[in-house]
Amino acid sequence: MSVDAAAPSLGVTTHTMYGRVYRRLVPYRPWGGRIVFLRRELMEYFQNLPGCKPEEALNNAKLRARE
């Protein structure tokens, strides 16, 4: 998935997502000059976040998108 698709999944802006990629805080793959994310790797990233389960994080992101 692209940065534009992954950012809402994490509940952040694309600018913030690029910053996290630059600091290597999220798992990503370079692909033909683009940055892409594997859904499985992002879910593993979610599971390893302290104090937050994947379902809760995705639900929070959906709630933020409605605001």
N, C-alpha and C. Protein backbone atom coordinates (compact mmCIF):
# COMPACT_ATOMS: atom_id res chain seq x y z
N MET A 1 0.85 -1.17 0.00
CA MET A 1 0.00 0.00 0.00
C MET A 1 0.89 1.23 0.00
N SER A 2 0.37 2.33 -0.47
CA SER A 2 1.13 3.58 -0.57
C SER A 2 1.13 4.34 0.75
N VAL A 3 1.92 5.40 0.80
CA VAL A 3 1.94 6.27 1.99
C VAL A 3 0.56 6.87 2.21
N ASP A 4 -0.09 7.28 1.12
CA ASP A 4 -1.43 7.87 1.23
C ASP A 4 -2.45 6.89 1.81
N ALA A 5 -2.29 5.61 1.55
CA ALA A 5 -3.20 4.61 2.09
C ALA A 5 -2.81 4.19 3.51
N ALA A 6 -1.53 4.14 3.79
CA ALA A 6 -1.05 3.67 5.09
C ALA A 6 -1.23 4.72 6.19
N ALA A 7 -1.08 5.99 5.86
CA ALA A 7 -1.16 7.05 6.87
C ALA A 7 -2.48 7.04 7.64
N PRO A 8 -3.64 6.99 6.97
CA PRO A 8 -4.89 6.93 7.73
C PRO A 8 -5.01 5.69 8.60
N SER A 9 -4.39 4.58 8.17
CA SER A 9 -4.42 3.36 8.98
C SER A 9 -3.75 3.57 10.32
N LEU A 10 -2.74 4.43 10.34
CA LEU A 10 -2.03 4.74 11.58
C LEU A 10 -2.60 5.97 12.26
N GLY A 11 -3.57 6.63 11.59
CA GLY A 11 -4.18 7.81 12.19
C GLY A 11 -3.29 9.03 12.15
N VAL A 12 -2.43 9.12 11.12
CA VAL A 12 -1.51 10.25 10.99
C VAL A 12 -1.61 10.83 9.58
N THR A 13 -0.98 11.98 9.39
CA THR A 13 -0.94 12.60 8.06
C THR A 13 0.15 11.95 7.22
N THR A 14 0.11 12.20 5.93
CA THR A 14 1.15 11.67 5.05
C THR A 14 2.50 12.29 5.40
N HIS A 15 2.50 13.55 5.79
CA HIS A 15 3.74 14.22 6.19
C HIS A 15 4.37 13.50 7.40
N THR A 16 3.55 13.18 8.39
CA THR A 16 4.03 12.45 9.56
C THR A 16 4.54 11.07 9.16
N MET A 17 3.82 10.42 8.24
CA MET A 17 4.23 9.09 7.80
C MET A 17 5.59 9.13 7.12
N TYR A 18 5.82 10.13 6.27
CA TYR A 18 7.14 10.26 5.64
C TYR A 18 8.22 10.48 6.69
N GLY A 19 7.92 11.23 7.73
CA GLY A 19 8.87 11.44 8.81
C GLY A 19 9.20 10.15 9.54
N ARG A 20 8.19 9.32 9.75
CA ARG A 20 8.42 8.04 10.41
C ARG A 20 9.22 7.09 9.52
N VAL A 21 8.99 7.17 8.22
CA VAL A 21 9.79 6.36 7.29
C VAL A 21 11.24 6.84 7.31
N TYR A 22 11.44 8.15 7.26
CA TYR A 22 12.79 8.72 7.27
C TYR A 22 13.56 8.29 8.52
N ARG A 23 12.86 8.24 9.66
CA ARG A 23 13.50 7.83 10.92
C ARG A 23 13.44 6.32 11.13
N ARG A 24 12.90 5.60 10.14
CA ARG A 24 12.80 4.13 10.18
C ARG A 24 12.01 3.63 11.38
N LEU A 25 10.92 4.30 11.68
CA LEU A 25 10.07 3.90 12.79
C LEU A 25 8.98 2.92 12.37
N VAL A 26 8.67 2.87 11.09
CA VAL A 26 7.66 1.96 10.57
C VAL A 26 8.29 1.07 9.49
N PRO A 27 7.77 -0.15 9.35
CA PRO A 27 8.32 -1.03 8.30
C PRO A 27 7.84 -0.58 6.92
N TYR A 28 8.76 -0.46 5.98
CA TYR A 28 8.41 -0.05 4.62
C TYR A 28 9.35 -0.73 3.64
N ARG A 29 9.02 -0.61 2.35
CA ARG A 29 9.85 -1.17 1.30
C ARG A 29 10.03 -0.12 0.20
N PRO A 30 11.26 0.10 -0.24
CA PRO A 30 11.44 0.94 -1.42
C PRO A 30 11.07 0.12 -2.67
N TRP A 31 10.35 0.74 -3.59
CA TRP A 31 9.93 0.01 -4.78
C TRP A 31 9.89 0.98 -5.96
N GLY A 32 10.87 0.90 -6.81
CA GLY A 32 10.91 1.75 -8.00
C GLY A 32 10.89 3.24 -7.68
N GLY A 33 11.62 3.66 -6.64
CA GLY A 33 11.64 5.06 -6.26
C GLY A 33 10.46 5.49 -5.41
N ARG A 34 9.58 4.55 -5.08
CA ARG A 34 8.43 4.85 -4.23
C ARG A 34 8.58 4.13 -2.91
N ILE A 35 7.78 4.52 -1.95
CA ILE A 35 7.74 3.88 -0.65
C ILE A 35 6.42 3.12 -0.56
N VAL A 36 6.51 1.83 -0.25
CA VAL A 36 5.30 1.03 -0.12
C VAL A 36 5.34 0.26 1.20
N PHE A 37 4.18 -0.15 1.64
CA PHE A 37 4.04 -0.88 2.89
C PHE A 37 3.31 -2.18 2.63
N LEU A 38 3.73 -3.23 3.31
CA LEU A 38 3.01 -4.49 3.27
C LEU A 38 2.03 -4.50 4.44
N ARG A 39 0.79 -4.83 4.15
CA ARG A 39 -0.26 -4.82 5.17
C ARG A 39 0.13 -5.71 6.36
N ARG A 40 0.70 -6.88 6.07
CA ARG A 40 1.10 -7.81 7.13
C ARG A 40 2.13 -7.18 8.05
N GLU A 41 3.11 -6.49 7.48
CA GLU A 41 4.15 -5.85 8.30
C GLU A 41 3.58 -4.71 9.14
N LEU A 42 2.63 -3.95 8.58
CA LEU A 42 2.01 -2.89 9.37
C LEU A 42 1.18 -3.46 10.52
N MET A 43 0.51 -4.58 10.28
CA MET A 43 -0.27 -5.21 11.35
C MET A 43 0.65 -5.71 12.46
N GLU A 44 1.80 -6.27 12.09
CA GLU A 44 2.78 -6.69 13.10
C GLU A 44 3.29 -5.48 13.88
N TYR A 45 3.49 -4.38 13.18
CA TYR A 45 3.92 -3.14 13.83
C TYR A 45 2.87 -2.69 14.84
N PHE A 46 1.60 -2.74 14.43
CA PHE A 46 0.49 -2.39 15.34
C PHE A 46 0.52 -3.26 16.58
N GLN A 47 0.70 -4.57 16.39
CA GLN A 47 0.66 -5.50 17.52
C GLN A 47 1.78 -5.24 18.52
N ASN A 48 2.89 -4.69 18.06
CA ASN A 48 4.02 -4.45 18.95
C ASN A 48 4.01 -3.07 19.60
N LEU A 49 3.03 -2.24 19.28
CA LEU A 49 2.95 -0.94 19.91
C LEU A 49 2.53 -1.11 21.37
N PRO A 50 3.20 -0.43 22.28
CA PRO A 50 2.82 -0.58 23.69
C PRO A 50 1.47 0.08 23.97
N GLY A 51 0.61 -0.66 24.69
CA GLY A 51 -0.66 -0.09 25.14
C GLY A 51 -1.72 0.05 24.08
N CYS A 52 -1.55 -0.56 22.92
CA CYS A 52 -2.52 -0.38 21.86
C CYS A 52 -2.63 -1.67 21.04
N LYS A 53 -3.82 -2.20 20.90
CA LYS A 53 -4.06 -3.39 20.08
C LYS A 53 -4.42 -2.94 18.66
N PRO A 54 -4.15 -3.77 17.65
CA PRO A 54 -4.44 -3.38 16.27
C PRO A 54 -5.88 -2.95 16.04
N GLU A 55 -6.82 -3.69 16.61
CA GLU A 55 -8.24 -3.36 16.41
C GLU A 55 -8.56 -1.98 16.99
N GLU A 56 -7.99 -1.70 18.15
CA GLU A 56 -8.22 -0.41 18.80
C GLU A 56 -7.61 0.73 17.98
N ALA A 57 -6.41 0.53 17.47
CA ALA A 57 -5.75 1.55 16.67
C ALA A 57 -6.51 1.82 15.38
N LEU A 58 -6.97 0.77 14.70
CA LEU A 58 -7.73 0.94 13.47
C LEU A 58 -9.06 1.64 13.74
N ASN A 59 -9.70 1.29 14.83
CA ASN A 59 -10.96 1.94 15.19
C ASN A 59 -10.73 3.43 15.49
N ASN A 60 -9.67 3.73 16.22
CA ASN A 60 -9.35 5.13 16.51
C ASN A 60 -9.07 5.92 15.24
N ALA A 61 -8.37 5.29 14.30
CA ALA A 61 -8.07 5.96 13.03
C ALA A 61 -9.36 6.25 12.26
N LYS A 62 -10.30 5.30 12.26
CA LYS A 62 -11.58 5.52 11.59
C LYS A 62 -12.36 6.66 12.24
N LEU A 63 -12.34 6.71 13.56
CA LEU A 63 -13.03 7.77 14.28
C LEU A 63 -12.42 9.13 13.96
N ARG A 64 -11.10 9.20 13.88
CA ARG A 64 -10.44 10.45 13.54
C ARG A 64 -10.77 10.90 12.13
N ALA A 65 -10.90 9.95 11.22
CA ALA A 65 -11.19 10.28 9.82
C ALA A 65 -12.58 10.90 9.68
N ARG A 66 -13.50 10.56 10.56
CA ARG A 66 -14.86 11.12 10.51
C ARG A 66 -14.93 12.55 10.99
N GLU A 67 -13.96 12.97 11.79
CA GLU A 67 -13.98 14.32 12.37
C GLU A 67 -13.61 15.36 11.36
